[in-house]
Amino acid sequence: MSIPFARCFCLTTFSALTSYHYVRSIHIQRESLCTSNEAWYRSLPMRETSRFWSSLFSVNIYPRSLRSPFYKYFCRMFDGDINECEHGPDNLGYYTNFGEFFRRNLKEGVRPIDKESAVVSPCDGEVLANGLVTSVEQLNILVKGIPYTIKDLFQFDQSEVERLQSKQSESSLFYACIYLNPGNYH
């Protein structure tokens, strides 16, 4: 599959910026979308869009000399740090397609795991919400502007909800909703 580089670049940039600004505006407002916006968002062909981007991310970028400027531009737009890349800023041509670059490894020792911490994160991100779950069925977690209960989010059946509720007296369940911007390490 061959798609002209300029077209891929424009589509990728437009989509990423649109998504970033949409999610960022939700974060800044810190409130649920109104019913009409929620209905609009749910009507979008997200599965098809995801498949499209997945196939686009696997398209090899040729000539090799275009890769480095493309990846550097992406990192500038989304505050990605290319100095932390395993192959470094001078060898970005190593990543043949955007998918490889997006899933890049970090240099050894750049992010040591704090062995003393009770909780560590496998990714970069901004914690949008966190707290103690007091009711499995009533807590609303906002994901991409849409409120979900834990039951809905994890698609628990009633027996699983009852099992979690029965353990609430002997243990605590906490949640965290983390926003990954496109430049964050995933």
C-alpha atoms as a PDB file:
ATOM      1  CA  MET A   1       0.000   0.000   0.000  1.00  0.00           C
ATOM      2  CA  SER A   2       1.560   3.263  -1.067  1.00  0.00           C
ATOM      3  CA  ILE A   3       0.223   6.598   0.164  1.00  0.00           C
ATOM      4  CA  PRO A   4       2.051   9.835  -0.668  1.00  0.00           C
ATOM      5  CA  PHE A   5       4.009  11.036   2.334  1.00  0.00           C
ATOM      6  CA  ALA A   6       2.551  14.563   2.272  1.00  0.00           C
ATOM      7  CA  ARG A   7      -1.003  13.212   2.422  1.00  0.00           C
ATOM      8  CA  CYS A   8      -0.146  10.858   5.317  1.00  0.00           C
ATOM      9  CA  PHE A   9       1.601  13.661   7.145  1.00  0.00           C
ATOM     10  CA  CYS A  10      -1.309  16.091   6.753  1.00  0.00           C
ATOM     11  CA  LEU A  11      -3.927  13.514   7.769  1.00  0.00           C
ATOM     12  CA  THR A  12      -1.903  12.373  10.772  1.00  0.00           C
ATOM     13  CA  THR A  13      -1.216  15.906  11.970  1.00  0.00           C
ATOM     14  CA  PHE A  14      -4.818  17.036  11.502  1.00  0.00           C
ATOM     15  CA  SER A  15      -6.254  13.999  13.277  1.00  0.00           C
ATOM     16  CA  ALA A  16      -3.771  14.122  16.140  1.00  0.00           C
ATOM     17  CA  LEU A  17      -4.267  17.850  16.721  1.00  0.00           C
ATOM     18  CA  THR A  18      -8.045  17.549  16.531  1.00  0.00           C
ATOM     19  CA  SER A  19      -8.077  14.660  19.014  1.00  0.00           C
ATOM     20  CA  TYR A  20      -5.604  16.380  21.315  1.00  0.00           C
ATOM     21  CA  HIS A  21      -7.534  19.658  21.436  1.00  0.00           C
ATOM     22  CA  TYR A  22     -10.857  17.846  21.883  1.00  0.00           C
ATOM     23  CA  VAL A  23      -9.635  15.777  24.840  1.00  0.00           C
ATOM     24  CA  ARG A  24      -7.729  18.736  26.286  1.00  0.00           C
ATOM     25  CA  SER A  25     -10.860  20.910  26.215  1.00  0.00           C
ATOM     26  CA  ILE A  26     -12.724  18.210  28.115  1.00  0.00           C
ATOM     27  CA  HIS A  27      -9.942  18.047  30.694  1.00  0.00           C
ATOM     28  CA  ILE A  28      -9.894  21.827  31.183  1.00  0.00           C
ATOM     29  CA  GLN A  29     -13.646  21.996  31.645  1.00  0.00           C
ATOM     30  CA  ARG A  30     -13.567  19.089  34.120  1.00  0.00           C
ATOM     31  CA  GLU A  31     -17.217  18.368  33.524  1.00  0.00           C
ATOM     32  CA  SER A  32     -19.276  15.817  31.687  1.00  0.00           C
ATOM     33  CA  LEU A  33     -20.361  16.396  28.127  1.00  0.00           C
ATOM     34  CA  CYS A  34     -23.968  17.359  27.697  1.00  0.00           C
ATOM     35  CA  THR A  35     -26.328  14.724  26.285  1.00  0.00           C
ATOM     36  CA  SER A  36     -26.206  16.026  22.698  1.00  0.00           C
ATOM     37  CA  ASN A  37     -22.385  16.037  22.618  1.00  0.00           C
ATOM     38  CA  GLU A  38     -22.264  12.594  24.173  1.00  0.00           C
ATOM     39  CA  ALA A  39     -24.675  11.265  21.546  1.00  0.00           C
ATOM     40  CA  TRP A  40     -22.598  12.898  18.798  1.00  0.00           C
ATOM     41  CA  TYR A  41     -19.368  11.383  20.145  1.00  0.00           C
ATOM     42  CA  ARG A  42     -20.904   7.921  20.431  1.00  0.00           C
ATOM     43  CA  SER A  43     -22.184   8.145  16.841  1.00  0.00           C
ATOM     44  CA  LEU A  44     -18.678   8.615  15.428  1.00  0.00           C
ATOM     45  CA  PRO A  45     -17.256   5.563  13.615  1.00  0.00           C
ATOM     46  CA  MET A  46     -14.492   5.070  16.184  1.00  0.00           C
ATOM     47  CA  ARG A  47     -13.783   1.417  15.343  1.00  0.00           C
ATOM     48  CA  GLU A  48     -13.365   2.210  11.638  1.00  0.00           C
ATOM     49  CA  THR A  49     -11.261   5.274  12.421  1.00  0.00           C
ATOM     50  CA  SER A  50      -9.052   3.186  14.695  1.00  0.00           C
ATOM     51  CA  ARG A  51      -8.579   0.571  11.961  1.00  0.00           C
ATOM     52  CA  PHE A  52      -7.707   3.293   9.447  1.00  0.00           C
ATOM     53  CA  TRP A  53      -5.025   4.787  11.702  1.00  0.00           C
ATOM     54  CA  SER A  54      -3.705   1.347  12.541  1.00  0.00           C
ATOM     55  CA  SER A  55      -3.208   0.577   8.847  1.00  0.00           C
ATOM     56  CA  LEU A  56      -1.718   4.026   8.212  1.00  0.00           C
ATOM     57  CA  PHE A  57       0.773   3.592  11.069  1.00  0.00           C
ATOM     58  CA  SER A  58       2.132   0.457   9.374  1.00  0.00           C
ATOM     59  CA  VAL A  59       2.874   2.208   6.050  1.00  0.00           C
ATOM     60  CA  ASN A  60       6.640   2.450   5.616  1.00  0.00           C
ATOM     61  CA  ILE A  61       7.947   5.979   5.106  1.00  0.00           C
ATOM     62  CA  TYR A  62      10.246   6.333   2.110  1.00  0.00           C
ATOM     63  CA  PRO A  63      12.638   7.823   1.391  1.00  0.00           C
ATOM     64  CA  ARG A  64      14.371   7.240   4.696  1.00  0.00           C
ATOM     65  CA  SER A  65      15.475  10.891   4.830  1.00  0.00           C
ATOM     66  CA  LEU A  66      11.845  11.974   5.438  1.00  0.00           C
ATOM     67  CA  ARG A  67      11.475   9.920   8.622  1.00  0.00           C
ATOM     68  CA  SER A  68      13.571  12.033  10.960  1.00  0.00           C
ATOM     69  CA  PRO A  69      11.892  15.386  10.131  1.00  0.00           C
ATOM     70  CA  PHE A  70       8.460  13.747  10.414  1.00  0.00           C
ATOM     71  CA  TYR A  71       9.173  12.220  13.836  1.00  0.00           C
ATOM     72  CA  LYS A  72      10.838  15.409  15.105  1.00  0.00           C
ATOM     73  CA  TYR A  73       7.832  17.466  13.998  1.00  0.00           C
ATOM     74  CA  PHE A  74       5.493  15.069  15.810  1.00  0.00           C
ATOM     75  CA  CYS A  75       7.572  15.324  19.005  1.00  0.00           C
ATOM     76  CA  ARG A  76       7.599  19.128  18.811  1.00  0.00           C
ATOM     77  CA  MET A  77       3.816  19.207  18.414  1.00  0.00           C
ATOM     78  CA  PHE A  78       3.141  16.902  21.370  1.00  0.00           C
ATOM     79  CA  ASP A  79       6.116  17.513  23.692  1.00  0.00           C
ATOM     80  CA  GLY A  80       7.714  14.128  23.043  1.00  0.00           C
ATOM     81  CA  ASP A  81      11.351  13.810  24.119  1.00  0.00           C
ATOM     82  CA  ILE A  82      13.339  12.164  21.314  1.00  0.00           C
ATOM     83  CA  ASN A  83      16.491  12.262  23.458  1.00  0.00           C
ATOM     84  CA  GLU A  84      14.999   9.419  25.502  1.00  0.00           C
ATOM     85  CA  CYS A  85      14.552   7.167  22.438  1.00  0.00           C
ATOM     86  CA  GLU A  86      16.587   3.979  22.410  1.00  0.00           C
ATOM     87  CA  HIS A  87      18.041   4.943  19.016  1.00  0.00           C
ATOM     88  CA  GLY A  88      18.435   8.628  19.846  1.00  0.00           C
ATOM     89  CA  PRO A  89      17.628  11.773  17.878  1.00  0.00           C
ATOM     90  CA  ASP A  90      20.429  11.147  15.369  1.00  0.00           C
ATOM     91  CA  ASN A  91      19.110   7.761  14.253  1.00  0.00           C
ATOM     92  CA  LEU A  92      15.348   8.313  13.915  1.00  0.00           C
ATOM     93  CA  GLY A  93      15.498   6.818  10.417  1.00  0.00           C
ATOM     94  CA  TYR A  94      15.718   3.449  12.193  1.00  0.00           C
ATOM     95  CA  TYR A  95      11.930   3.505  12.664  1.00  0.00           C
ATOM     96  CA  THR A  96      10.540   2.482   9.264  1.00  0.00           C
ATOM     97  CA  ASN A  97       6.970   3.563  10.004  1.00  0.00           C
ATOM     98  CA  PHE A  98       5.104   5.710  12.474  1.00  0.00           C
ATOM     99  CA  GLY A  99       3.852   2.671  14.396  1.00  0.00           C
ATOM    100  CA  GLU A 100       7.425   1.617  15.210  1.00  0.00           C
ATOM    101  CA  PHE A 101       8.282   5.145  16.304  1.00  0.00           C
ATOM    102  CA  PHE A 102       5.134   5.445  18.410  1.00  0.00           C
ATOM    103  CA  ARG A 103       5.976   2.192  20.245  1.00  0.00           C
ATOM    104  CA  ARG A 104       9.679   3.044  20.579  1.00  0.00           C
ATOM    105  CA  ASN A 105      11.740   1.761  23.473  1.00  0.00           C
ATOM    106  CA  LEU A 106      13.454   4.118  25.864  1.00  0.00           C
ATOM    107  CA  LYS A 107      17.193   4.179  26.474  1.00  0.00           C
ATOM    108  CA  GLU A 108      18.325   1.885  29.247  1.00  0.00           C
ATOM    109  CA  GLY A 109      18.188   3.656  32.614  1.00  0.00           C
ATOM    110  CA  VAL A 110      16.274   6.751  31.447  1.00  0.00           C
ATOM    111  CA  ARG A 111      13.279   5.970  33.651  1.00  0.00           C
ATOM    112  CA  PRO A 112      14.368   3.788  36.580  1.00  0.00           C
ATOM    113  CA  ILE A 113      11.520   2.177  38.494  1.00  0.00           C
ATOM    114  CA  ASP A 114      11.281   3.455  42.053  1.00  0.00           C
ATOM    115  CA  LYS A 115      11.394   0.270  44.105  1.00  0.00           C
ATOM    116  CA  GLU A 116      10.264   2.129  47.240  1.00  0.00           C
ATOM    117  CA  SER A 117       6.979   3.392  45.769  1.00  0.00           C
ATOM    118  CA  ALA A 118       3.738   1.568  46.403  1.00  0.00           C
ATOM    119  CA  VAL A 119       2.471   2.376  42.899  1.00  0.00           C
ATOM    120  CA  VAL A 120       4.319   2.997  39.638  1.00  0.00           C
ATOM    121  CA  SER A 121       2.963   3.723  36.174  1.00  0.00           C
ATOM    122  CA  PRO A 122       4.006   1.876  33.003  1.00  0.00           C
ATOM    123  CA  CYS A 123       3.477   5.042  30.951  1.00  0.00           C
ATOM    124  CA  ASP A 124       3.648   8.813  30.988  1.00  0.00           C
ATOM    125  CA  GLY A 125       0.398  10.633  31.476  1.00  0.00           C
ATOM    126  CA  GLU A 126      -1.599  13.139  33.435  1.00  0.00           C
ATOM    127  CA  VAL A 127      -3.837  11.889  36.235  1.00  0.00           C
ATOM    128  CA  LEU A 128      -7.243  13.407  35.523  1.00  0.00           C
ATOM    129  CA  ALA A 129      -9.087  11.755  38.391  1.00  0.00           C
ATOM    130  CA  ASN A 130      -8.377   9.293  41.177  1.00  0.00           C
ATOM    131  CA  GLY A 131      -9.861   8.175  44.414  1.00  0.00           C
ATOM    132  CA  LEU A 132     -11.495   5.500  46.505  1.00  0.00           C
ATOM    133  CA  VAL A 133     -14.310   3.459  44.998  1.00  0.00           C
ATOM    134  CA  THR A 134     -17.140   3.537  47.522  1.00  0.00           C
ATOM    135  CA  SER A 135     -19.767   1.959  45.273  1.00  0.00           C
ATOM    136  CA  VAL A 136     -19.071  -0.277  42.281  1.00  0.00           C
ATOM    137  CA  GLU A 137     -22.329   0.707  40.615  1.00  0.00           C
ATOM    138  CA  GLN A 138     -22.486   4.434  41.406  1.00  0.00           C
ATOM    139  CA  LEU A 139     -18.981   5.802  40.766  1.00  0.00           C
ATOM    140  CA  ASN A 140     -18.879   7.663  37.442  1.00  0.00           C
ATOM    141  CA  ILE A 141     -15.451   7.731  35.808  1.00  0.00           C
ATOM    142  CA  LEU A 142     -15.124  10.160  32.914  1.00  0.00           C
ATOM    143  CA  VAL A 143     -13.391   8.516  29.916  1.00  0.00           C
ATOM    144  CA  LYS A 144     -13.056  10.713  26.820  1.00  0.00           C
ATOM    145  CA  GLY A 145     -15.858  12.852  28.172  1.00  0.00           C
ATOM    146  CA  ILE A 146     -18.321  10.010  28.688  1.00  0.00           C
ATOM    147  CA  PRO A 147     -19.263   8.877  32.215  1.00  0.00           C
ATOM    148  CA  TYR A 148     -18.920   5.147  32.960  1.00  0.00           C
ATOM    149  CA  THR A 149     -19.587   3.104  36.058  1.00  0.00           C
ATOM    150  CA  ILE A 150     -16.974   0.504  36.917  1.00  0.00           C
ATOM    151  CA  LYS A 151     -19.555  -2.127  36.000  1.00  0.00           C
ATOM    152  CA  ASP A 152     -19.950  -0.605  32.516  1.00  0.00           C
ATOM    153  CA  LEU A 153     -16.276   0.134  31.971  1.00  0.00           C
ATOM    154  CA  PHE A 154     -15.134  -3.417  32.731  1.00  0.00           C
ATOM    155  CA  GLN A 155     -18.370  -5.027  31.494  1.00  0.00           C
ATOM    156  CA  PHE A 156     -18.871  -6.914  34.742  1.00  0.00           C
ATOM    157  CA  ASP A 157     -21.883  -9.151  35.046  1.00  0.00           C
ATOM    158  CA  GLN A 158     -24.009  -8.982  38.194  1.00  0.00           C
ATOM    159  CA  SER A 159     -22.132 -11.845  39.913  1.00  0.00           C
ATOM    160  CA  GLU A 160     -18.817  -9.996  39.533  1.00  0.00           C
ATOM    161  CA  VAL A 161     -20.350  -6.802  40.939  1.00  0.00           C
ATOM    162  CA  GLU A 162     -21.688  -8.756  43.934  1.00  0.00           C
ATOM    163  CA  ARG A 163     -18.272 -10.374  44.475  1.00  0.00           C
ATOM    164  CA  LEU A 164     -16.575  -6.944  44.513  1.00  0.00           C
ATOM    165  CA  GLN A 165     -19.216  -5.525  46.858  1.00  0.00           C
ATOM    166  CA  SER A 166     -18.802  -8.445  49.276  1.00  0.00           C
ATOM    167  CA  LYS A 167     -15.063  -7.712  49.572  1.00  0.00           C
ATOM    168  CA  GLN A 168     -15.506  -3.966  50.213  1.00  0.00           C
ATOM    169  CA  SER A 169     -15.547  -4.427  53.995  1.00  0.00           C
ATOM    170  CA  GLU A 170     -12.166  -6.221  54.042  1.00  0.00           C
ATOM    171  CA  SER A 171     -10.305  -4.256  51.362  1.00  0.00           C
ATOM    172  CA  SER A 172     -10.292  -1.000  49.434  1.00  0.00           C
ATOM    173  CA  LEU A 173     -10.501  -0.418  45.700  1.00  0.00           C
ATOM    174  CA  PHE A 174      -8.953   2.693  44.182  1.00  0.00           C
ATOM    175  CA  TYR A 175      -9.120   4.075  40.650  1.00  0.00           C
ATOM    176  CA  ALA A 176      -7.091   6.437  38.490  1.00  0.00           C
ATOM    177  CA  CYS A 177      -7.996   7.867  35.105  1.00  0.00           C
ATOM    178  CA  ILE A 178      -4.805   8.776  33.226  1.00  0.00           C
ATOM    179  CA  TYR A 179      -4.729  10.845  30.036  1.00  0.00           C
ATOM    180  CA  LEU A 180      -1.983   9.902  27.587  1.00  0.00           C
ATOM    181  CA  ASN A 181      -1.250  12.675  25.149  1.00  0.00           C
ATOM    182  CA  PRO A 182       0.195  11.493  21.818  1.00  0.00           C
ATOM    183  CA  GLY A 183       3.702  12.610  22.812  1.00  0.00           C
ATOM    184  CA  ASN A 184       3.678  10.652  26.080  1.00  0.00           C
ATOM    185  CA  TYR A 185       5.624   7.412  26.328  1.00  0.00           C
ATOM    186  CA  HIS A 186       3.131   4.536  26.048  1.00  0.00           C
END
